[in-house]
Amino acid sequence: MTTMPHPMHLHGHFFRVGESATAPVRDTVLVDPMREVVLDWIAENPGRWAFHCHHLYHQETGMMRIVEVT
């Protein structure tokens, strides 16, 4: 939870925001300040994938993780 918006990006996969089967498919979602987002995705692409904020200075301070799909 922060006071800034964060454009969060997941490499190697696509997802829908929320739980609607008709929501648009995307790989980046804008998380509004003091909010959380529910993603609906199928982890079907094996590998190690970056999940990070698109603001470089946020990545440098820790808003970057590796998601491993086996």
N, C-alpha and C. Protein backbone atom coordinates (compact mmCIF):
# COMPACT_ATOMS: atom_id res chain seq x y z
N MET A 1 0.84 -1.18 0.00
CA MET A 1 0.00 0.00 0.00
C MET A 1 0.88 1.25 0.00
N THR A 2 0.74 2.04 -1.02
CA THR A 2 1.51 3.28 -1.11
C THR A 2 0.59 4.41 -1.56
N THR A 3 1.10 5.61 -1.56
CA THR A 3 0.32 6.78 -1.96
C THR A 3 0.51 7.14 -3.42
N MET A 4 1.15 6.27 -4.19
CA MET A 4 1.39 6.50 -5.62
C MET A 4 0.75 5.39 -6.45
N PRO A 5 0.42 5.67 -7.71
CA PRO A 5 -0.01 4.59 -8.60
C PRO A 5 1.21 3.80 -9.07
N HIS A 6 1.00 2.51 -9.35
CA HIS A 6 2.08 1.65 -9.81
C HIS A 6 1.64 0.87 -11.04
N PRO A 7 2.28 1.08 -12.20
CA PRO A 7 1.99 0.25 -13.37
C PRO A 7 2.76 -1.07 -13.23
N MET A 8 2.07 -2.12 -12.81
CA MET A 8 2.70 -3.41 -12.55
C MET A 8 2.65 -4.28 -13.81
N HIS A 9 3.80 -4.88 -14.14
CA HIS A 9 3.96 -5.63 -15.39
C HIS A 9 4.45 -7.04 -15.09
N LEU A 10 3.81 -8.03 -15.71
CA LEU A 10 4.20 -9.43 -15.58
C LEU A 10 4.73 -9.93 -16.91
N HIS A 11 5.97 -10.36 -16.93
CA HIS A 11 6.57 -10.89 -18.16
C HIS A 11 6.08 -12.32 -18.42
N GLY A 12 5.97 -12.69 -19.69
CA GLY A 12 5.71 -14.08 -20.07
C GLY A 12 4.30 -14.57 -19.95
N HIS A 13 3.39 -13.75 -19.46
CA HIS A 13 2.01 -14.19 -19.25
C HIS A 13 1.05 -13.03 -19.52
N PHE A 14 -0.19 -13.37 -19.72
CA PHE A 14 -1.26 -12.39 -19.83
C PHE A 14 -2.29 -12.70 -18.77
N PHE A 15 -3.06 -11.70 -18.37
CA PHE A 15 -4.05 -11.89 -17.31
C PHE A 15 -5.24 -11.00 -17.55
N ARG A 16 -6.28 -11.27 -16.80
CA ARG A 16 -7.46 -10.41 -16.77
C ARG A 16 -7.52 -9.78 -15.39
N VAL A 17 -7.92 -8.52 -15.34
CA VAL A 17 -8.06 -7.84 -14.06
C VAL A 17 -9.45 -8.14 -13.53
N GLY A 18 -9.52 -8.64 -12.31
CA GLY A 18 -10.79 -9.04 -11.73
C GLY A 18 -11.10 -10.48 -12.07
N GLU A 19 -12.34 -10.85 -11.94
CA GLU A 19 -12.73 -12.24 -12.12
C GLU A 19 -13.68 -12.44 -13.30
N SER A 20 -13.85 -11.42 -14.12
CA SER A 20 -14.76 -11.50 -15.26
C SER A 20 -14.07 -12.16 -16.46
N ALA A 21 -14.71 -13.15 -17.04
CA ALA A 21 -14.16 -13.83 -18.22
C ALA A 21 -14.16 -12.93 -19.45
N THR A 22 -14.86 -11.79 -19.38
CA THR A 22 -14.91 -10.88 -20.53
C THR A 22 -14.01 -9.66 -20.35
N ALA A 23 -13.27 -9.60 -19.25
CA ALA A 23 -12.34 -8.47 -19.04
C ALA A 23 -11.23 -8.53 -20.08
N PRO A 24 -10.67 -7.39 -20.47
CA PRO A 24 -9.58 -7.38 -21.45
C PRO A 24 -8.36 -8.15 -20.94
N VAL A 25 -7.65 -8.76 -21.87
CA VAL A 25 -6.41 -9.47 -21.55
C VAL A 25 -5.26 -8.47 -21.64
N ARG A 26 -4.37 -8.49 -20.65
CA ARG A 26 -3.26 -7.54 -20.63
C ARG A 26 -2.06 -8.14 -19.91
N ASP A 27 -0.94 -7.42 -19.93
CA ASP A 27 0.25 -7.85 -19.20
C ASP A 27 0.72 -6.77 -18.22
N THR A 28 0.01 -5.66 -18.19
CA THR A 28 0.32 -4.56 -17.27
C THR A 28 -0.99 -4.03 -16.70
N VAL A 29 -0.97 -3.70 -15.41
CA VAL A 29 -2.15 -3.13 -14.77
C VAL A 29 -1.72 -1.96 -13.90
N LEU A 30 -2.50 -0.89 -13.91
CA LEU A 30 -2.22 0.25 -13.06
C LEU A 30 -2.90 0.02 -11.71
N VAL A 31 -2.10 -0.05 -10.67
CA VAL A 31 -2.62 -0.22 -9.31
C VAL A 31 -2.72 1.17 -8.68
N ASP A 32 -3.92 1.61 -8.40
CA ASP A 32 -4.14 2.94 -7.84
C ASP A 32 -3.62 3.04 -6.41
N PRO A 33 -3.35 4.25 -5.94
CA PRO A 33 -2.85 4.44 -4.58
C PRO A 33 -3.77 3.82 -3.53
N MET A 34 -3.15 3.16 -2.56
CA MET A 34 -3.86 2.55 -1.42
C MET A 34 -4.90 1.52 -1.84
N ARG A 35 -4.67 0.86 -2.99
CA ARG A 35 -5.58 -0.16 -3.50
C ARG A 35 -4.82 -1.45 -3.77
N GLU A 36 -5.57 -2.52 -3.94
CA GLU A 36 -4.99 -3.77 -4.41
C GLU A 36 -5.81 -4.25 -5.59
N VAL A 37 -5.23 -5.13 -6.40
CA VAL A 37 -5.87 -5.60 -7.62
C VAL A 37 -5.88 -7.12 -7.61
N VAL A 38 -6.98 -7.72 -8.06
CA VAL A 38 -7.08 -9.16 -8.22
C VAL A 38 -6.85 -9.50 -9.68
N LEU A 39 -5.91 -10.43 -9.93
CA LEU A 39 -5.62 -10.87 -11.29
C LEU A 39 -6.12 -12.28 -11.49
N ASP A 40 -6.67 -12.55 -12.66
CA ASP A 40 -7.09 -13.90 -13.03
C ASP A 40 -6.18 -14.34 -14.16
N TRP A 41 -5.29 -15.31 -13.86
CA TRP A 41 -4.37 -15.77 -14.91
C TRP A 41 -4.07 -17.24 -14.75
N ILE A 42 -3.72 -17.85 -15.88
CA ILE A 42 -3.33 -19.25 -15.91
C ILE A 42 -1.83 -19.29 -16.13
N ALA A 43 -1.11 -19.87 -15.18
CA ALA A 43 0.35 -19.95 -15.24
C ALA A 43 0.74 -21.14 -16.12
N GLU A 44 0.70 -20.92 -17.45
CA GLU A 44 0.94 -22.02 -18.38
C GLU A 44 2.23 -21.87 -19.17
N ASN A 45 3.05 -20.87 -18.86
CA ASN A 45 4.29 -20.64 -19.58
C ASN A 45 5.45 -20.83 -18.61
N PRO A 46 6.06 -22.03 -18.59
CA PRO A 46 7.11 -22.32 -17.61
C PRO A 46 8.31 -21.39 -17.76
N GLY A 47 8.94 -21.12 -16.64
CA GLY A 47 10.15 -20.31 -16.63
C GLY A 47 10.18 -19.37 -15.45
N ARG A 48 11.20 -18.54 -15.44
CA ARG A 48 11.34 -17.51 -14.41
C ARG A 48 11.00 -16.17 -15.06
N TRP A 49 10.01 -15.49 -14.51
CA TRP A 49 9.48 -14.28 -15.12
C TRP A 49 9.53 -13.12 -14.13
N ALA A 50 9.86 -11.95 -14.65
CA ALA A 50 9.88 -10.73 -13.83
C ALA A 50 8.47 -10.21 -13.62
N PHE A 51 8.19 -9.77 -12.43
CA PHE A 51 6.96 -9.06 -12.08
C PHE A 51 7.41 -7.79 -11.38
N HIS A 52 7.13 -6.63 -11.96
CA HIS A 52 7.73 -5.40 -11.46
C HIS A 52 6.89 -4.17 -11.76
N CYS A 53 7.19 -3.11 -11.04
CA CYS A 53 6.63 -1.80 -11.33
C CYS A 53 7.41 -1.21 -12.50
N HIS A 54 6.72 -0.55 -13.41
CA HIS A 54 7.39 0.04 -14.57
C HIS A 54 8.16 1.33 -14.23
N HIS A 55 8.00 1.86 -13.05
CA HIS A 55 8.82 3.01 -12.63
C HIS A 55 10.19 2.47 -12.24
N LEU A 56 11.22 2.83 -12.98
CA LEU A 56 12.56 2.29 -12.75
C LEU A 56 13.04 2.52 -11.33
N TYR A 57 12.77 3.70 -10.78
CA TYR A 57 13.23 3.97 -9.42
C TYR A 57 12.51 3.10 -8.40
N HIS A 58 11.33 2.60 -8.72
CA HIS A 58 10.65 1.66 -7.83
C HIS A 58 11.29 0.27 -7.94
N GLN A 59 11.66 -0.13 -9.15
CA GLN A 59 12.36 -1.40 -9.32
C GLN A 59 13.65 -1.40 -8.51
N GLU A 60 14.37 -0.30 -8.58
CA GLU A 60 15.66 -0.19 -7.88
C GLU A 60 15.52 -0.25 -6.37
N THR A 61 14.33 0.06 -5.86
CA THR A 61 14.13 0.01 -4.41
C THR A 61 13.34 -1.23 -3.97
N GLY A 62 13.17 -2.20 -4.87
CA GLY A 62 12.60 -3.48 -4.47
C GLY A 62 11.28 -3.88 -5.06
N MET A 63 10.66 -3.06 -5.90
CA MET A 63 9.36 -3.45 -6.48
C MET A 63 9.59 -4.28 -7.73
N MET A 64 10.37 -5.35 -7.58
CA MET A 64 10.61 -6.29 -8.66
C MET A 64 10.83 -7.66 -8.04
N ARG A 65 10.11 -8.62 -8.55
CA ARG A 65 10.20 -9.99 -8.05
C ARG A 65 10.29 -10.95 -9.24
N ILE A 66 10.74 -12.15 -8.95
CA ILE A 66 10.75 -13.21 -9.95
C ILE A 66 9.62 -14.17 -9.62
N VAL A 67 8.80 -14.48 -10.63
CA VAL A 67 7.73 -15.46 -10.50
C VAL A 67 8.23 -16.71 -11.25
N GLU A 68 8.30 -17.82 -10.55
CA GLU A 68 8.76 -19.06 -11.19
C GLU A 68 7.58 -19.98 -11.44
N VAL A 69 7.40 -20.36 -12.70
CA VAL A 69 6.32 -21.25 -13.10
C VAL A 69 6.96 -22.57 -13.52
N THR A 70 6.56 -23.66 -12.86
CA THR A 70 7.14 -24.97 -13.20
C THR A 70 6.11 -25.89 -13.81
